[in-house]
Amino acid sequence: MWRARDRTRNRGGTKSLLSVATARLGTAPLHYWDFTANRALFSGVDVGAVTSTPNWSFGRASTGYAQTLAGTLVNFGSGVPRLTNKGLLVEDLRTNLLLQSQTLATAPWSPFQASITADATAAPDGTMTADKLVEDTTAATTHTHQQLVTLTASVQTFSIYAKAAERSQVLIFVPNTAFADVTARSVFFNLTGSGSTFSLAGAGATASIEALANGWYRCILNVPATLAIAANIQYGLSVSGANNYTGDGTSGLFLWGAQVEAAATHSSYITTTTVTASRQPDTASLTSPSVAYPLSAYAEFNRTMASFPSNTIAFNLDDGTANERTTFIVDATASTLQPVVVGAAGITQYNVNISPALAANVTTKLAVRVSTASANSARDNVLQAASGAITVPLTPTRLFFGMNPSTAAQLNGYLLRVAIFNTALADAALQRATR
């Protein structure tokens, strides 16, 4: 498992966390959380690990996976923040509808014109639990592994981790019986280089592939609304872009971590055995943040998907209500960043949409100033236009990381760093913080 290196204490000439934060942001922050290094500064004092922040609270009533920068999956226990060198992963509630998600040699999985060998190689999390799908010698046919799963009447996302062996292409196939238009959805994936998708079929379907460590890829197919029906979901072998071919009886590839979610986007892997399983939402917050307006705030983050059907939140500072707050929103419509300041009994004081759209797994930096003289923001070294005089929100009493005051609208991505300055940063300083 990844461990943060202690490089922020004054030992042997190493720099303090305050000096590291100041060098990164250009201005000394009052509070600073570096989730990539699992270090926190509160009221100018290095408190050690993020969870040592005064009045810190975290919840997730289930286990959960997160990635390292190298692309290795790490499994975290229930109630443990998912901190790696990618940052803090904050996600909403999700359920994996497939059974035996990583024991593919077990019923209800069924190979067709193929065989499956259990525990054939190391999985993306380093455990010896990945299985190998091997084609038989049947001529001019498909060689697949499938499971009959009961779908809900909603959009669906299908995913699986795959690694090349003798074969380096894999297919995800959802049969036509699952859709009201009686049209199948499918896509092929190349498991080489940075990975790629091809031959996407079916209206409304989209696909993506993510490269991980040790030759593993996560293959993802998003489809429009399915029927509330049981359908055979297939993960198949392919040769030169064809899934109907004559097998040689020995060639195959490795599979692990199959998942079906009743959602428009994928989320991190959820392990199942004999029943479906849910990963509960991550909730990270603190009370009594010890700040007052005027102030400035900063967040560095990314999402694991390019678009999402509803607004997601990177940062929220409020007075215990939703009416007096500073919030960093990723807009649902355009995936643009939307810093919002609400004060004076719920009246919006500052609200801008900052392009471009947030791309999947691409980190962005946003800094916002809130003072009676004006509000302004900068994103990735680009300064916005300042407002006129505003009414600032009431003194904050709580801070939410990657979610809103209702502990919903999770970021569905990684928070790298968050900072609060007990001063209204000048425009140049906002820009400097986000470069």
Protein backbone atom coordinates (compact mmCIF):
# COMPACT_ATOMS: atom_id res chain seq x y z
CA MET A 1 0.00 0.00 0.00
CA TRP A 2 1.13 3.54 -0.76
CA ARG A 3 2.40 5.49 2.22
CA ALA A 4 2.98 9.23 2.42
CA ARG A 5 6.54 10.26 3.09
CA ASP A 6 7.07 12.64 5.99
CA ARG A 7 8.84 15.45 4.18
CA THR A 8 7.23 18.43 5.89
CA ARG A 9 8.68 18.50 9.39
CA ASN A 10 11.86 20.37 10.22
CA ARG A 11 14.10 17.35 10.45
CA GLY A 12 17.48 17.18 8.83
CA GLY A 13 16.86 20.41 6.95
CA THR A 14 13.61 19.37 5.28
CA LYS A 15 11.11 22.15 4.66
CA SER A 16 8.13 22.78 6.92
CA LEU A 17 4.63 22.18 5.60
CA LEU A 18 3.93 25.92 5.85
CA SER A 19 6.92 26.76 3.66
CA VAL A 20 5.98 24.04 1.17
CA ALA A 21 2.41 25.36 0.97
CA THR A 22 3.59 28.95 0.66
CA ALA A 23 6.00 28.06 -2.14
CA ARG A 24 3.26 26.20 -4.00
CA LEU A 25 0.54 28.82 -3.59
CA GLY A 26 2.59 32.02 -3.44
CA THR A 27 0.91 33.12 -0.19
CA ALA A 28 0.99 31.57 3.27
CA PRO A 29 -2.36 29.84 3.95
CA LEU A 30 -4.10 29.72 7.30
CA HIS A 31 -5.33 26.16 6.70
CA TYR A 32 -3.90 23.72 4.15
CA TRP A 33 -4.67 20.11 3.37
CA ASP A 34 -2.36 18.19 1.05
CA PHE A 35 -4.28 14.97 0.52
CA THR A 36 -1.61 13.60 -1.85
CA ALA A 37 0.90 13.60 1.02
CA ASN A 38 -1.63 13.07 3.84
CA ARG A 39 -0.53 16.22 5.65
CA ALA A 40 -2.51 19.11 7.15
CA LEU A 41 -1.84 22.62 8.37
CA PHE A 42 -4.47 24.16 10.67
CA SER A 43 -4.26 27.74 11.96
CA GLY A 44 -0.67 27.79 10.74
CA VAL A 45 0.28 24.67 12.71
CA ASP A 46 1.38 21.38 11.15
CA VAL A 47 -1.02 18.88 12.74
CA GLY A 48 0.34 15.84 10.90
CA ALA A 49 -2.07 13.56 9.06
CA VAL A 50 -5.22 14.96 7.49
CA THR A 51 -7.36 13.07 10.00
CA SER A 52 -5.57 14.93 12.82
CA THR A 53 -7.21 18.21 11.76
CA PRO A 54 -9.23 19.58 14.71
CA ASN A 55 -12.93 18.72 14.44
CA TRP A 56 -12.31 16.54 11.37
CA SER A 57 -15.06 14.05 10.48
CA PHE A 58 -15.13 11.32 7.86
CA GLY A 59 -17.62 8.61 7.02
CA ARG A 60 -18.16 5.78 4.55
CA ALA A 61 -20.00 2.76 5.88
CA SER A 62 -18.32 0.29 3.52
CA THR A 63 -14.96 -0.65 2.08
CA GLY A 64 -13.76 1.11 -1.05
CA TYR A 65 -10.98 1.16 -3.65
CA ALA A 66 -8.84 4.07 -4.86
CA GLN A 67 -5.92 4.34 -7.29
CA THR A 68 -2.34 5.47 -6.88
CA LEU A 69 -0.64 7.63 -9.48
CA ALA A 70 1.09 4.51 -10.78
CA GLY A 71 -2.31 2.91 -11.43
CA THR A 72 -2.40 0.36 -8.61
CA LEU A 73 -5.71 -0.18 -6.80
CA VAL A 74 -5.70 0.10 -3.00
CA ASN A 75 -8.50 -1.32 -0.85
CA PHE A 76 -9.56 0.77 2.16
CA GLY A 77 -11.55 -0.42 5.14
CA SER A 78 -14.94 0.88 6.18
CA GLY A 79 -14.75 4.43 7.50
CA VAL A 80 -11.17 4.96 6.31
CA PRO A 81 -10.50 7.94 3.98
CA ARG A 82 -9.31 6.80 0.57
CA LEU A 83 -6.02 8.71 0.57
CA THR A 84 -3.30 7.89 -1.97
CA ASN A 85 -0.75 10.01 -3.77
CA LYS A 86 -3.56 10.87 -6.22
CA GLY A 87 -5.43 12.61 -3.39
CA LEU A 88 -8.64 11.97 -1.44
CA LEU A 89 -11.27 10.08 -3.44
CA VAL A 90 -14.81 11.29 -2.69
CA GLU A 91 -17.70 9.46 -4.39
CA ASP A 92 -21.46 9.02 -4.12
CA LEU A 93 -23.45 5.88 -3.33
CA ARG A 94 -23.10 3.14 -5.95
CA THR A 95 -24.12 -0.52 -6.29
CA ASN A 96 -22.53 -3.31 -8.32
CA LEU A 97 -25.34 -5.44 -9.79
CA LEU A 98 -23.06 -8.27 -10.93
CA LEU A 99 -22.34 -11.18 -8.62
CA GLN A 100 -18.93 -12.80 -7.98
CA SER A 101 -17.27 -9.73 -9.46
CA GLN A 102 -13.73 -11.08 -9.20
CA THR A 103 -14.32 -14.82 -8.90
CA LEU A 104 -15.20 -15.32 -12.55
CA ALA A 105 -14.77 -19.09 -12.40
CA THR A 106 -17.78 -19.24 -10.06
CA ALA A 107 -21.51 -19.39 -10.85
CA PRO A 108 -23.48 -17.47 -12.01
CA TRP A 109 -20.67 -16.81 -14.51
CA SER A 110 -20.79 -19.07 -17.57
CA PRO A 111 -18.14 -19.36 -20.31
CA PHE A 112 -19.32 -19.89 -23.90
CA GLN A 113 -16.97 -21.66 -26.32
CA ALA A 114 -14.26 -20.89 -23.78
CA SER A 115 -12.91 -21.86 -20.39
CA ILE A 116 -11.97 -19.83 -17.35
CA THR A 117 -8.94 -20.41 -15.09
CA ALA A 118 -9.19 -19.01 -11.59
CA ASP A 119 -6.43 -16.97 -9.92
CA ALA A 120 -4.19 -17.04 -12.98
CA THR A 121 -2.29 -13.79 -12.38
CA ALA A 122 -2.00 -10.77 -10.09
CA ALA A 123 -5.01 -8.44 -10.20
CA PRO A 124 -4.86 -4.62 -10.33
CA ASP A 125 -4.81 -4.55 -6.51
CA GLY A 126 -1.82 -6.92 -6.38
CA THR A 127 -3.77 -9.93 -5.09
CA MET A 128 -3.54 -13.24 -6.96
CA THR A 129 -7.24 -13.15 -7.91
CA ALA A 130 -7.38 -12.36 -11.64
CA ASP A 131 -8.79 -15.10 -13.88
CA LYS A 132 -7.92 -16.08 -17.45
CA LEU A 133 -10.51 -16.48 -20.21
CA VAL A 134 -9.25 -18.97 -22.82
CA GLU A 135 -10.94 -19.68 -26.16
CA ASP A 136 -11.76 -23.21 -27.32
CA THR A 137 -11.26 -24.51 -30.88
CA THR A 138 -14.83 -24.08 -32.10
CA ALA A 139 -14.86 -22.60 -35.60
CA ALA A 140 -16.35 -19.25 -36.61
CA THR A 141 -17.98 -18.43 -33.27
CA THR A 142 -17.78 -16.10 -30.29
CA HIS A 143 -15.65 -16.95 -27.27
CA THR A 144 -17.17 -15.15 -24.30
CA HIS A 145 -17.82 -15.11 -20.58
CA GLN A 146 -21.27 -14.04 -19.47
CA GLN A 147 -23.60 -13.52 -16.54
CA LEU A 148 -27.36 -13.18 -16.46
CA VAL A 149 -27.95 -9.98 -14.48
CA THR A 150 -31.21 -8.26 -13.60
CA LEU A 151 -31.00 -4.69 -14.89
CA THR A 152 -33.02 -1.75 -13.63
CA ALA A 153 -35.02 0.49 -15.95
CA SER A 154 -32.35 3.19 -16.12
CA VAL A 155 -29.12 4.10 -17.84
CA GLN A 156 -26.35 1.60 -17.14
CA THR A 157 -22.56 1.53 -17.02
CA PHE A 158 -20.64 -1.71 -17.62
CA SER A 159 -16.96 -2.11 -16.80
CA ILE A 160 -14.28 -4.72 -16.36
CA TYR A 161 -10.53 -4.81 -15.82
CA ALA A 162 -8.69 -6.62 -18.61
CA LYS A 163 -5.07 -7.48 -19.40
CA ALA A 164 -3.63 -8.88 -22.61
CA ALA A 165 -2.14 -12.35 -22.78
CA GLU A 166 -2.13 -14.18 -26.13
CA ARG A 167 -5.13 -12.03 -27.09
CA SER A 168 -5.11 -8.25 -26.72
CA GLN A 169 -8.67 -7.23 -27.62
CA VAL A 170 -11.80 -7.58 -25.49
CA LEU A 171 -15.49 -6.94 -26.16
CA ILE A 172 -18.30 -5.76 -23.87
CA PHE A 173 -21.70 -6.74 -25.29
CA VAL A 174 -25.21 -5.93 -24.01
CA PRO A 175 -27.91 -7.88 -25.93
CA ASN A 176 -30.77 -6.26 -27.84
CA THR A 177 -33.32 -7.74 -25.42
CA ALA A 178 -32.14 -5.26 -22.79
CA PHE A 179 -33.38 -2.24 -24.76
CA ALA A 180 -36.78 -0.91 -25.83
CA ASP A 181 -35.43 -0.29 -29.35
CA VAL A 182 -34.29 -3.95 -29.57
CA THR A 183 -30.78 -2.87 -30.55
CA ALA A 184 -27.65 -4.28 -28.92
CA ARG A 185 -24.89 -2.05 -27.57
CA SER A 186 -21.26 -3.09 -27.70
CA VAL A 187 -17.68 -1.89 -27.99
CA PHE A 188 -14.21 -3.38 -28.56
CA PHE A 189 -11.09 -2.40 -26.61
CA ASN A 190 -7.40 -2.60 -27.51
CA LEU A 191 -5.33 -3.64 -24.50
CA THR A 192 -2.03 -2.21 -25.72
CA GLY A 193 -0.21 1.10 -25.38
CA SER A 194 -2.42 3.69 -23.73
CA GLY A 195 -5.48 1.61 -24.70
CA SER A 196 -8.21 2.50 -27.18
CA THR A 197 -11.82 1.76 -28.10
CA PHE A 198 -13.23 0.90 -31.52
CA SER A 199 -16.38 -0.33 -33.29
CA LEU A 200 -18.74 1.26 -30.77
CA ALA A 201 -22.27 0.16 -31.72
CA GLY A 202 -25.77 1.24 -30.66
CA ALA A 203 -27.39 4.67 -30.42
CA GLY A 204 -26.52 6.60 -27.29
CA ALA A 205 -23.65 4.33 -26.25
CA THR A 206 -20.30 5.77 -25.21
CA ALA A 207 -17.09 4.06 -24.16
CA SER A 208 -13.73 4.78 -22.57
CA ILE A 209 -10.63 2.95 -21.43
CA GLU A 210 -8.24 3.71 -18.58
CA ALA A 211 -4.67 2.39 -18.39
CA LEU A 212 -3.51 1.13 -14.99
CA ALA A 213 -0.32 -0.46 -13.69
CA ASN A 214 1.20 -3.75 -14.89
CA GLY A 215 -0.60 -3.89 -18.24
CA TRP A 216 -4.11 -3.65 -16.81
CA TYR A 217 -6.89 -1.53 -18.34
CA ARG A 218 -10.35 -0.64 -17.14
CA CYS A 219 -12.81 -1.00 -20.01
CA ILE A 220 -16.06 1.00 -19.71
CA LEU A 221 -19.29 1.01 -21.71
CA ASN A 222 -22.10 3.49 -20.95
CA VAL A 223 -25.51 2.77 -22.49
CA PRO A 224 -28.91 4.50 -22.56
CA ALA A 225 -31.82 3.29 -20.44
CA THR A 226 -32.31 -0.45 -20.35
CA LEU A 227 -35.46 -2.40 -19.58
CA ALA A 228 -36.04 -3.81 -16.11
CA ILE A 229 -35.07 -7.24 -17.34
CA ALA A 230 -32.59 -10.06 -16.91
CA ALA A 231 -30.00 -10.00 -19.67
CA ASN A 232 -26.80 -11.93 -20.42
CA ILE A 233 -23.94 -9.45 -20.19
CA GLN A 234 -20.96 -10.70 -22.19
CA TYR A 235 -17.24 -10.04 -21.98
CA GLY A 236 -15.62 -11.63 -25.01
CA LEU A 237 -12.37 -12.27 -26.82
CA SER A 238 -11.60 -10.62 -30.15
CA VAL A 239 -9.03 -11.07 -32.92
CA SER A 240 -8.29 -8.25 -35.37
CA GLY A 241 -11.56 -6.55 -34.50
CA ALA A 242 -13.69 -9.67 -34.98
CA ASN A 243 -15.42 -11.55 -32.18
CA ASN A 244 -16.54 -14.40 -34.45
CA TYR A 245 -13.45 -16.45 -35.20
CA THR A 246 -11.93 -19.93 -34.90
CA GLY A 247 -10.11 -20.36 -31.60
CA ASP A 248 -6.83 -22.21 -31.11
CA GLY A 249 -7.70 -23.71 -27.73
CA THR A 250 -4.89 -22.02 -25.81
CA SER A 251 -5.09 -18.24 -26.34
CA GLY A 252 -6.85 -15.82 -24.03
CA LEU A 253 -6.59 -12.78 -21.76
CA PHE A 254 -7.01 -11.88 -18.09
CA LEU A 255 -10.18 -10.47 -16.50
CA TRP A 256 -11.03 -9.09 -13.06
CA GLY A 257 -13.44 -6.75 -11.33
CA ALA A 258 -16.59 -6.91 -13.46
CA GLN A 259 -19.17 -4.25 -12.62
CA VAL A 260 -22.63 -3.06 -13.68
CA GLU A 261 -23.97 0.20 -12.21
CA ALA A 262 -27.41 1.72 -12.70
CA ALA A 263 -25.84 5.10 -13.43
CA ALA A 264 -24.72 7.20 -16.37
CA THR A 265 -21.07 7.09 -15.27
CA HIS A 266 -18.65 4.56 -13.82
CA SER A 267 -17.28 4.73 -10.30
CA SER A 268 -14.51 2.93 -8.44
CA TYR A 269 -14.59 -0.84 -8.22
CA ILE A 270 -17.04 -2.53 -5.80
CA THR A 271 -16.42 -6.14 -4.80
CA THR A 272 -19.35 -8.58 -4.79
CA THR A 273 -19.73 -12.26 -3.88
CA THR A 274 -23.11 -14.01 -3.70
CA VAL A 275 -25.20 -10.81 -3.53
CA THR A 276 -25.01 -7.32 -4.96
CA ALA A 277 -22.98 -4.84 -2.94
CA SER A 278 -22.97 -1.09 -2.43
CA ARG A 279 -20.19 1.35 -1.72
CA GLN A 280 -21.59 3.96 0.60
CA PRO A 281 -20.91 7.68 -0.03
CA ASP A 282 -17.76 9.36 1.25
CA THR A 283 -18.41 12.27 3.62
CA ALA A 284 -15.49 14.50 4.67
CA SER A 285 -16.01 17.65 6.72
CA LEU A 286 -15.01 19.64 9.76
CA THR A 287 -16.79 21.96 12.15
CA SER A 288 -15.45 25.22 13.63
CA PRO A 289 -13.08 25.97 10.71
CA SER A 290 -11.78 29.05 12.58
CA VAL A 291 -12.05 31.50 9.66
CA ALA A 292 -14.00 34.67 8.99
CA TYR A 293 -14.62 36.92 6.02
CA PRO A 294 -12.81 38.45 4.21
CA LEU A 295 -11.06 35.26 3.10
CA SER A 296 -9.84 33.37 0.06
CA ALA A 297 -10.15 29.69 -0.73
CA TYR A 298 -8.32 27.29 -3.04
CA ALA A 299 -8.98 23.77 -4.29
CA GLU A 300 -7.04 21.48 -6.63
CA PHE A 301 -9.04 18.51 -7.90
CA ASN A 302 -10.18 16.30 -10.76
CA ARG A 303 -13.12 14.07 -11.56
CA THR A 304 -12.93 10.48 -12.76
CA MET A 305 -15.43 11.22 -15.55
CA ALA A 306 -15.76 14.12 -17.98
CA SER A 307 -19.46 14.79 -17.45
CA PHE A 308 -22.01 13.99 -14.75
CA PRO A 309 -25.83 14.31 -14.81
CA SER A 310 -25.98 16.63 -11.80
CA ASN A 311 -23.82 19.31 -10.19
CA THR A 312 -20.87 18.03 -8.17
CA ILE A 313 -19.03 19.91 -5.43
CA ALA A 314 -15.31 20.31 -4.76
CA PHE A 315 -15.49 22.67 -1.75
CA ASN A 316 -18.19 24.19 0.45
CA LEU A 317 -17.78 26.60 3.35
CA ASP A 318 -20.96 27.74 5.15
CA ASP A 319 -22.55 28.96 8.38
CA GLY A 320 -24.57 25.83 9.06
CA THR A 321 -27.16 26.60 6.38
CA ALA A 322 -27.21 26.53 2.59
CA ASN A 323 -27.91 30.27 2.44
CA GLU A 324 -24.58 31.72 3.59
CA ARG A 325 -21.80 29.95 1.75
CA THR A 326 -18.87 29.82 -0.65
CA THR A 327 -19.08 26.80 -2.94
CA PHE A 328 -16.95 25.42 -5.78
CA ILE A 329 -19.34 23.67 -8.21
CA VAL A 330 -18.70 21.60 -11.33
CA ASP A 331 -21.72 22.41 -13.46
CA ALA A 332 -23.83 19.49 -14.70
CA THR A 333 -24.72 21.03 -18.04
CA ALA A 334 -21.31 22.10 -19.32
CA SER A 335 -18.87 20.56 -16.79
CA THR A 336 -17.46 24.06 -16.30
CA LEU A 337 -16.31 25.34 -12.93
CA GLN A 338 -18.77 27.56 -11.09
CA PRO A 339 -17.57 29.37 -7.96
CA VAL A 340 -20.61 30.70 -6.10
CA VAL A 341 -20.86 33.06 -3.14
CA VAL A 342 -24.25 33.24 -1.42
CA GLY A 343 -24.87 35.77 1.34
CA ALA A 344 -27.48 38.11 2.76
CA ALA A 345 -30.13 35.48 3.55
CA GLY A 346 -29.68 33.39 0.43
CA ILE A 347 -29.03 36.07 -2.20
CA THR A 348 -26.31 35.12 -4.68
CA GLN A 349 -23.47 37.63 -4.58
CA TYR A 350 -21.03 36.06 -7.04
CA ASN A 351 -21.58 33.35 -9.66
CA VAL A 352 -19.47 32.72 -12.78
CA ASN A 353 -19.04 29.80 -15.16
CA ILE A 354 -15.39 29.25 -16.04
CA SER A 355 -14.49 27.28 -19.16
CA PRO A 356 -13.18 24.95 -20.45
CA ALA A 357 -15.16 21.87 -19.47
CA LEU A 358 -13.47 19.66 -16.90
CA ALA A 359 -12.00 16.62 -18.67
CA ALA A 360 -11.83 13.18 -17.05
CA ASN A 361 -8.81 12.68 -14.79
CA VAL A 362 -7.40 16.13 -15.60
CA THR A 363 -6.54 18.23 -12.56
CA THR A 364 -7.70 21.84 -12.30
CA LYS A 365 -6.95 24.59 -9.78
CA LEU A 366 -9.47 27.17 -8.59
CA ALA A 367 -8.97 30.09 -6.19
CA VAL A 368 -11.68 32.51 -5.03
CA ARG A 369 -11.57 35.80 -3.09
CA VAL A 370 -14.56 36.87 -0.97
CA SER A 371 -14.59 40.35 0.56
CA THR A 372 -17.02 43.24 0.88
CA ALA A 373 -15.01 45.17 -1.70
CA SER A 374 -15.34 42.49 -4.38
CA ALA A 375 -15.24 38.80 -5.23
CA ASN A 376 -13.10 37.25 -7.94
CA SER A 377 -11.63 33.93 -9.01
CA ALA A 378 -8.84 32.40 -11.06
CA ARG A 379 -8.63 29.01 -12.70
CA ASP A 380 -5.40 27.47 -13.93
CA ASN A 381 -3.57 30.80 -14.13
CA VAL A 382 -6.48 32.57 -15.86
CA LEU A 383 -8.01 35.45 -13.92
CA GLN A 384 -11.73 36.27 -14.14
CA ALA A 385 -13.41 39.69 -13.94
CA ALA A 386 -13.96 41.00 -10.41
CA SER A 387 -17.42 41.82 -9.13
CA GLY A 388 -18.38 45.04 -7.48
CA ALA A 389 -19.05 45.35 -3.76
CA ILE A 390 -20.87 42.35 -2.27
CA THR A 391 -22.43 41.28 1.01
CA VAL A 392 -20.26 38.48 2.34
CA PRO A 393 -21.77 35.35 3.94
CA LEU A 394 -22.02 35.03 7.69
CA THR A 395 -19.03 33.63 9.58
CA PRO A 396 -18.48 29.98 8.53
CA THR A 397 -19.06 27.22 11.04
CA ARG A 398 -18.38 24.17 8.87
CA LEU A 399 -16.39 23.03 5.84
CA PHE A 400 -17.23 20.20 3.43
CA PHE A 401 -14.64 18.52 1.22
CA GLY A 402 -16.02 17.28 -2.10
CA MET A 403 -19.71 17.47 -1.20
CA ASN A 404 -22.52 19.91 -0.38
CA PRO A 405 -24.12 20.83 2.99
CA SER A 406 -26.56 17.92 2.61
CA THR A 407 -23.56 15.55 2.38
CA ALA A 408 -24.53 14.85 -1.22
CA ALA A 409 -23.36 15.98 -4.69
CA GLN A 410 -20.05 14.21 -4.13
CA LEU A 411 -17.19 15.27 -6.43
CA ASN A 412 -16.76 11.74 -7.80
CA GLY A 413 -13.08 12.42 -8.12
CA TYR A 414 -9.89 13.24 -6.27
CA LEU A 415 -9.19 16.26 -4.10
CA LEU A 416 -5.46 16.93 -4.22
CA ARG A 417 -5.15 20.06 -2.09
CA VAL A 418 -7.40 22.58 -0.34
CA ALA A 419 -6.36 25.84 1.29
CA ILE A 420 -8.01 28.76 3.10
CA PHE A 421 -6.35 32.16 3.46
CA ASN A 422 -7.48 34.56 6.21
CA THR A 423 -7.16 37.48 3.81
CA ALA A 424 -8.68 38.70 0.57
CA LEU A 425 -6.02 37.81 -1.97
CA ALA A 426 -5.35 40.37 -4.68
CA ASP A 427 -6.08 39.39 -8.27
CA ALA A 428 -2.44 38.66 -8.99
CA ALA A 429 -2.20 36.40 -5.93
CA LEU A 430 -5.31 34.45 -7.01
CA GLN A 431 -3.74 33.92 -10.39
CA ARG A 432 -0.40 32.93 -8.88
CA ALA A 433 -2.04 30.30 -6.64
CA THR A 434 -3.54 28.51 -9.63
CA ARG A 435 -0.62 28.51 -12.05
